[in-house]
């Protein structure tokens, strides 16, 4: 008991107010960036998922699928497909091919409503019975540890990913080495819009607030100290803890959907003399400390 009395100190009202202000500033700094609310509530509008955030009137958005990146000037998709074919017994046969797709996780509104996508999202929300803010603000969902995985039939081809991960809006290049079967499938998907098996799996983490945790306890004043302020009785305290965690989610996009907006201008047909196996090779090395 002596040890308790010796280390116990009564905090003056002015000091307590200063401590509360400091604590509020620390909490404000931690909660400055909106994260997904503890409820995890979200609405899907068009190709976007809108999460309720910890800040009233703020919705966090993230795409529900990947899309092909477009160039800045003419809006052309950053994609190409090369088919190698040879003449065999009076018929053109595919000998393999390659595909390059630059995909992005950014939200790209269609050109006709590029400056009005927020209004469209608001209208769609209210049609779904949204009861939140009348004019919600849309903010990109914070993401980390983004990873891409290509799921493709080995008889159709194999792939490599470059630039996987990063912050919101970063692009990733997919290089696909196609077999003869794959070259035919991908060509048919662009020319005749014929679907085929294969998809891109996108995995990332986003921050979400955890439910509040409360701890209540009572301090027996007479057992803590003989100071007159403790003669009134017990002191009850309730502590409320707030914390956030990172939630992992996975979204898959079919290759057929990625190739849907492409036409034959993205196809390159290269005739060859004989059937061969073609490979896309990316070499990396170091020379005098530099990567080549």
Protein backbone atom coordinates (compact mmCIF):
# COMPACT_ATOMS: atom_id res chain seq x y z
CA UNK A 1 0.00 0.00 0.00
CA UNK A 2 2.89 2.37 0.67
CA UNK A 3 4.18 1.81 -2.82
CA UNK A 4 0.78 2.69 -4.24
CA UNK A 5 0.49 5.83 -2.15
CA UNK A 6 3.98 6.94 -3.04
CA UNK A 7 3.41 6.69 -6.81
CA UNK A 8 -0.18 7.94 -6.90
CA UNK A 9 -0.69 11.61 -7.82
CA UNK A 10 -3.79 13.76 -8.05
CA UNK A 11 -4.02 15.46 -11.46
CA UNK A 12 -5.13 19.05 -11.40
CA UNK A 13 -8.11 20.05 -13.58
CA UNK A 14 -5.97 22.17 -15.91
CA UNK A 15 -3.48 19.36 -16.44
CA UNK A 16 -6.28 16.91 -17.09
CA UNK A 17 -7.74 19.20 -19.75
CA UNK A 18 -4.35 19.44 -21.44
CA UNK A 19 -4.01 15.66 -21.40
CA UNK A 20 -7.45 15.24 -22.96
CA UNK A 21 -6.59 17.74 -25.70
CA UNK A 22 -3.34 15.94 -26.48
CA UNK A 23 -5.18 12.62 -26.67
CA UNK A 24 -7.77 14.11 -29.03
CA UNK A 25 -5.04 15.40 -31.32
CA UNK A 26 -3.38 12.01 -31.40
CA UNK A 27 -6.68 10.32 -32.24
CA UNK A 28 -7.36 12.92 -34.92
CA UNK A 29 -3.99 12.23 -36.53
CA UNK A 30 -4.65 8.48 -36.52
CA UNK A 31 -8.18 8.85 -37.90
CA UNK A 32 -7.42 11.60 -40.41
CA UNK A 33 -7.46 9.20 -43.35
CA UNK A 34 -10.90 7.62 -43.84
CA UNK A 35 -10.99 3.83 -43.78
CA UNK A 36 -13.78 1.32 -44.26
CA UNK A 37 -16.30 1.44 -41.41
CA UNK A 38 -16.47 -1.41 -38.91
CA UNK A 39 -19.76 -2.57 -40.45
CA UNK A 40 -18.00 -3.24 -43.77
CA UNK A 41 -21.13 -2.03 -45.59
CA UNK A 42 -20.76 -1.44 -49.31
CA UNK A 43 -22.84 -0.93 -52.43
CA UNK A 44 -21.94 -1.96 -55.97
CA UNK A 45 -22.65 0.61 -58.66
CA UNK A 46 -21.80 -0.26 -62.25
CA UNK A 47 -18.22 -1.64 -62.06
CA UNK A 48 -17.38 0.05 -58.76
CA UNK A 49 -17.73 -0.96 -55.12
CA UNK A 50 -18.54 1.89 -52.72
CA UNK A 51 -17.67 1.35 -49.05
CA UNK A 52 -19.12 3.32 -46.14
CA UNK A 53 -16.17 4.97 -44.39
CA UNK A 54 -15.37 6.20 -40.91
CA UNK A 55 -16.06 9.77 -42.00
CA UNK A 56 -19.70 10.75 -42.53
CA UNK A 57 -20.46 11.66 -46.11
CA UNK A 58 -17.32 9.96 -47.48
CA UNK A 59 -17.51 6.77 -49.56
CA UNK A 60 -14.40 4.83 -50.56
CA UNK A 61 -14.46 3.39 -54.07
CA UNK A 62 -12.60 0.53 -55.72
CA UNK A 63 -13.18 -1.19 -59.07
CA UNK A 64 -14.76 -4.63 -59.13
CA UNK A 65 -12.61 -5.71 -62.06
CA UNK A 66 -9.40 -4.84 -63.84
CA UNK A 67 -9.39 -2.93 -67.12
CA UNK A 68 -7.00 -2.27 -69.97
CA UNK A 69 -4.98 0.90 -69.66
CA UNK A 70 -5.55 3.61 -72.28
CA UNK A 71 -3.09 6.04 -73.81
CA UNK A 72 -3.46 9.68 -72.88
CA UNK A 73 -3.93 11.18 -76.37
CA UNK A 74 -6.32 9.04 -78.37
CA UNK A 75 -7.60 6.73 -75.67
CA UNK A 76 -6.34 3.63 -77.49
CA UNK A 77 -6.09 0.51 -75.36
CA UNK A 78 -2.58 -0.58 -74.41
CA UNK A 79 -2.76 -4.09 -75.80
CA UNK A 80 -1.53 -6.15 -78.75
CA UNK A 81 -1.77 -9.72 -79.98
CA UNK A 82 0.61 -11.38 -82.41
CA UNK A 83 -0.26 -14.64 -84.16
CA UNK A 84 2.33 -16.73 -85.95
CA UNK A 85 1.01 -19.02 -88.67
CA UNK A 86 2.43 -21.21 -91.40
CA UNK A 87 1.16 -22.85 -94.58
CA UNK A 88 0.76 -26.58 -94.12
CA UNK A 89 -0.96 -28.97 -96.54
CA UNK A 90 -2.91 -26.20 -98.17
CA UNK A 91 -4.16 -24.69 -94.90
CA UNK A 92 -2.93 -21.84 -92.72
CA UNK A 93 -2.17 -23.22 -89.25
CA UNK A 94 -1.25 -21.32 -86.12
CA UNK A 95 2.25 -21.89 -84.79
CA UNK A 96 1.93 -19.85 -81.58
CA UNK A 97 1.91 -16.22 -80.65
CA UNK A 98 2.26 -13.63 -77.94
CA UNK A 99 0.10 -11.05 -76.22
CA UNK A 100 0.90 -7.91 -74.29
CA UNK A 101 -1.76 -6.42 -72.03
CA UNK A 102 -1.27 -3.41 -69.77
CA UNK A 103 -3.93 -3.61 -67.09
CA UNK A 104 -4.83 -1.13 -64.40
CA UNK A 105 -6.76 -1.11 -61.14
CA UNK A 106 -7.76 2.54 -61.54
CA UNK A 107 -11.37 3.54 -62.12
CA UNK A 108 -11.82 4.80 -65.69
CA UNK A 109 -15.26 6.28 -66.28
CA UNK A 110 -16.58 6.07 -69.81
CA UNK A 111 -15.74 9.09 -72.00
CA UNK A 112 -19.35 10.27 -72.24
CA UNK A 113 -19.61 10.90 -68.50
CA UNK A 114 -15.99 11.43 -67.53
CA UNK A 115 -16.89 14.58 -65.60
CA UNK A 116 -20.20 13.32 -64.25
CA UNK A 117 -19.44 9.89 -62.86
CA UNK A 118 -19.95 11.12 -59.28
CA UNK A 119 -23.50 12.24 -60.15
CA UNK A 120 -24.21 8.86 -61.72
CA UNK A 121 -22.96 7.04 -58.65
CA UNK A 122 -25.11 9.22 -56.38
CA UNK A 123 -28.22 8.56 -58.48
CA UNK A 124 -27.56 4.82 -58.48
CA UNK A 125 -27.07 4.85 -54.70
CA UNK A 126 -30.41 6.52 -54.05
CA UNK A 127 -32.10 4.07 -56.42
CA UNK A 128 -30.74 1.30 -54.18
CA UNK A 129 -32.20 2.93 -51.09
CA UNK A 130 -29.15 4.80 -49.86
CA UNK A 131 -29.93 6.66 -46.60
CA UNK A 132 -26.61 8.38 -46.03
CA UNK A 133 -25.43 11.83 -47.02
CA UNK A 134 -27.36 13.53 -49.82
CA UNK A 135 -24.11 14.50 -51.56
CA UNK A 136 -21.51 11.89 -50.63
CA UNK A 137 -17.88 12.51 -51.53
CA UNK A 138 -16.02 9.71 -53.31
CA UNK A 139 -12.42 8.95 -52.32
CA UNK A 140 -10.20 6.10 -53.64
CA UNK A 141 -9.97 3.12 -51.31
CA UNK A 142 -6.46 2.90 -49.79
CA UNK A 143 -4.78 -0.32 -50.90
CA UNK A 144 -1.52 -2.12 -50.27
CA UNK A 145 0.20 -5.41 -51.12
CA UNK A 146 -1.44 -5.62 -54.54
CA UNK A 147 -0.66 -8.85 -56.35
CA UNK A 148 -1.63 -10.22 -59.75
CA UNK A 149 -1.86 -13.85 -60.75
CA UNK A 150 -2.70 -15.12 -64.23
CA UNK A 151 -4.76 -18.32 -64.33
CA UNK A 152 -4.44 -19.87 -67.77
CA UNK A 153 -4.66 -23.36 -69.24
CA UNK A 154 -1.06 -24.56 -69.80
CA UNK A 155 -2.13 -25.85 -73.20
CA UNK A 156 -3.03 -22.27 -74.16
CA UNK A 157 0.04 -20.47 -72.87
CA UNK A 158 1.91 -19.08 -69.92
CA UNK A 159 2.42 -15.59 -68.57
CA UNK A 160 4.70 -13.15 -66.77
CA UNK A 161 3.73 -10.08 -64.70
CA UNK A 162 5.77 -6.92 -64.44
CA UNK A 163 5.16 -4.05 -62.06
CA UNK A 164 2.71 -5.94 -59.84
CA UNK A 165 1.66 -4.11 -56.69
CA UNK A 166 1.95 -0.43 -55.85
CA UNK A 167 -0.46 2.35 -55.07
CA UNK A 168 -3.85 3.24 -56.48
CA UNK A 169 -3.86 3.49 -60.26
CA UNK A 170 -0.55 1.77 -60.95
CA UNK A 171 -0.47 -0.34 -64.09
CA UNK A 172 0.85 -3.85 -64.58
CA UNK A 173 2.12 -5.43 -67.79
CA UNK A 174 1.06 -8.97 -68.63
CA UNK A 175 3.15 -10.81 -71.21
CA UNK A 176 1.46 -13.97 -72.46
CA UNK A 177 3.37 -16.59 -74.46
CA UNK A 178 0.73 -18.42 -76.50
CA UNK A 179 0.73 -21.91 -77.91
CA UNK A 180 -0.88 -22.67 -81.26
CA UNK A 181 -4.14 -23.39 -79.47
CA UNK A 182 -3.88 -20.21 -77.42
CA UNK A 183 -3.15 -18.05 -80.46
CA UNK A 184 -6.30 -19.36 -82.13
CA UNK A 185 -8.42 -18.83 -78.99
CA UNK A 186 -7.24 -15.27 -78.38
CA UNK A 187 -7.70 -14.36 -82.03
CA UNK A 188 -11.27 -15.71 -81.98
CA UNK A 189 -11.95 -13.77 -78.77
CA UNK A 190 -11.03 -10.52 -80.53
CA UNK A 191 -12.54 -11.23 -83.96
CA UNK A 192 -15.73 -13.09 -83.05
CA UNK A 193 -15.92 -12.35 -79.29
CA UNK A 194 -15.74 -16.07 -78.50
CA UNK A 195 -15.14 -16.59 -74.74
CA UNK A 196 -12.39 -18.87 -73.49
CA UNK A 197 -11.04 -20.06 -70.15
CA UNK A 198 -8.55 -17.82 -68.39
CA UNK A 199 -8.61 -14.97 -65.88
CA UNK A 200 -6.52 -12.55 -63.88
CA UNK A 201 -6.72 -12.73 -60.10
CA UNK A 202 -6.16 -9.43 -58.28
CA UNK A 203 -5.47 -9.58 -54.54
CA UNK A 204 -4.91 -6.60 -52.25
CA UNK A 205 -5.46 -5.36 -48.70
CA UNK A 206 -7.55 -2.40 -47.54
CA UNK A 207 -7.89 -0.82 -44.06
CA UNK A 208 -11.04 -1.36 -42.03
CA UNK A 209 -11.98 -0.11 -38.58
CA UNK A 210 -12.60 -2.76 -35.94
CA UNK A 211 -15.65 -2.60 -33.64
CA UNK A 212 -15.08 -0.52 -30.50
CA UNK A 213 -13.92 -2.43 -27.43
CA UNK A 214 -14.86 -1.25 -23.92
CA UNK A 215 -13.18 -1.98 -20.61
CA UNK A 216 -14.89 -0.92 -17.38
CA UNK A 217 -13.39 -1.12 -13.89
CA UNK A 218 -13.92 0.45 -10.49
CA UNK A 219 -11.27 1.90 -8.21
CA UNK A 220 -11.94 1.72 -4.46
CA UNK A 221 -10.94 5.21 -3.33
CA UNK A 222 -10.37 4.41 0.33
CA UNK A 223 -8.03 1.55 -0.55
CA UNK A 224 -5.98 3.62 -3.00
CA UNK A 225 -5.26 6.72 -0.93
CA UNK A 226 -6.20 8.55 2.26
CA UNK A 227 -6.48 11.85 0.39
CA UNK A 228 -9.74 13.69 1.19
CA UNK A 229 -10.79 13.62 -2.48
CA UNK A 230 -11.13 9.83 -2.27
CA UNK A 231 -13.38 9.80 0.81
CA UNK A 232 -16.45 10.25 -1.44
CA UNK A 233 -16.30 6.65 -2.52
CA UNK A 234 -15.36 4.54 -5.53
CA UNK A 235 -14.16 5.80 -8.89
CA UNK A 236 -15.59 4.06 -12.00
CA UNK A 237 -13.71 4.25 -15.26
CA UNK A 238 -14.61 3.15 -18.78
CA UNK A 239 -11.98 2.90 -21.50
CA UNK A 240 -12.96 2.72 -25.16
CA UNK A 241 -10.41 1.30 -27.61
CA UNK A 242 -10.44 1.88 -31.37
CA UNK A 243 -8.20 0.05 -33.80
CA UNK A 244 -8.11 -0.83 -37.46
CA UNK A 245 -6.88 -3.80 -39.39
CA UNK A 246 -6.03 -4.72 -42.97
CA UNK A 247 -8.49 -6.95 -44.80
CA UNK A 248 -7.46 -9.04 -47.79
CA UNK A 249 -9.81 -9.34 -50.75
CA UNK A 250 -9.61 -11.00 -54.16
CA UNK A 251 -11.26 -10.01 -57.44
CA UNK A 252 -11.06 -12.03 -60.66
CA UNK A 253 -11.43 -10.68 -64.19
CA UNK A 254 -11.90 -12.96 -67.20
CA UNK A 255 -9.59 -12.51 -70.17
CA UNK A 256 -12.67 -12.52 -72.39
CA UNK A 257 -13.86 -9.38 -70.58
CA UNK A 258 -10.45 -7.72 -70.91
CA UNK A 259 -10.32 -8.44 -74.65
CA UNK A 260 -13.96 -7.47 -75.31
CA UNK A 261 -13.27 -3.81 -76.32
CA UNK A 262 -10.50 -4.79 -78.77
CA UNK A 263 -10.97 -5.12 -82.53
CA UNK A 264 -8.81 -6.50 -85.35
CA UNK A 265 -6.61 -3.41 -85.37
CA UNK A 266 -4.94 -4.88 -82.29
CA UNK A 267 -4.06 -8.11 -84.15
CA UNK A 268 -0.77 -8.78 -85.93
CA UNK A 269 -0.60 -11.89 -88.11
CA UNK A 270 2.94 -12.96 -88.98
CA UNK A 271 3.46 -15.76 -91.55
CA UNK A 272 6.39 -18.09 -90.99
CA UNK A 273 7.95 -20.80 -93.12
CA UNK A 274 7.53 -23.68 -90.71
CA UNK A 275 5.86 -24.48 -87.44
CA UNK A 276 8.07 -23.44 -84.58
CA UNK A 277 7.72 -22.70 -80.91
CA UNK A 278 7.91 -18.98 -80.29
CA UNK A 279 8.79 -17.51 -76.93
CA UNK A 280 8.73 -14.05 -75.43
CA UNK A 281 12.04 -13.66 -73.62
CA UNK A 282 12.84 -10.89 -71.17
CA UNK A 283 16.51 -10.83 -70.19
CA UNK A 284 17.83 -9.04 -67.16
CA UNK A 285 21.41 -8.75 -66.07
CA UNK A 286 23.93 -6.45 -64.48
CA UNK A 287 26.81 -4.70 -66.10
CA UNK A 288 29.03 -2.35 -64.13
CA UNK A 289 26.39 -2.26 -61.40
CA UNK A 290 23.59 -1.25 -63.79
CA UNK A 291 20.64 -3.38 -64.82
CA UNK A 292 20.45 -4.10 -68.57
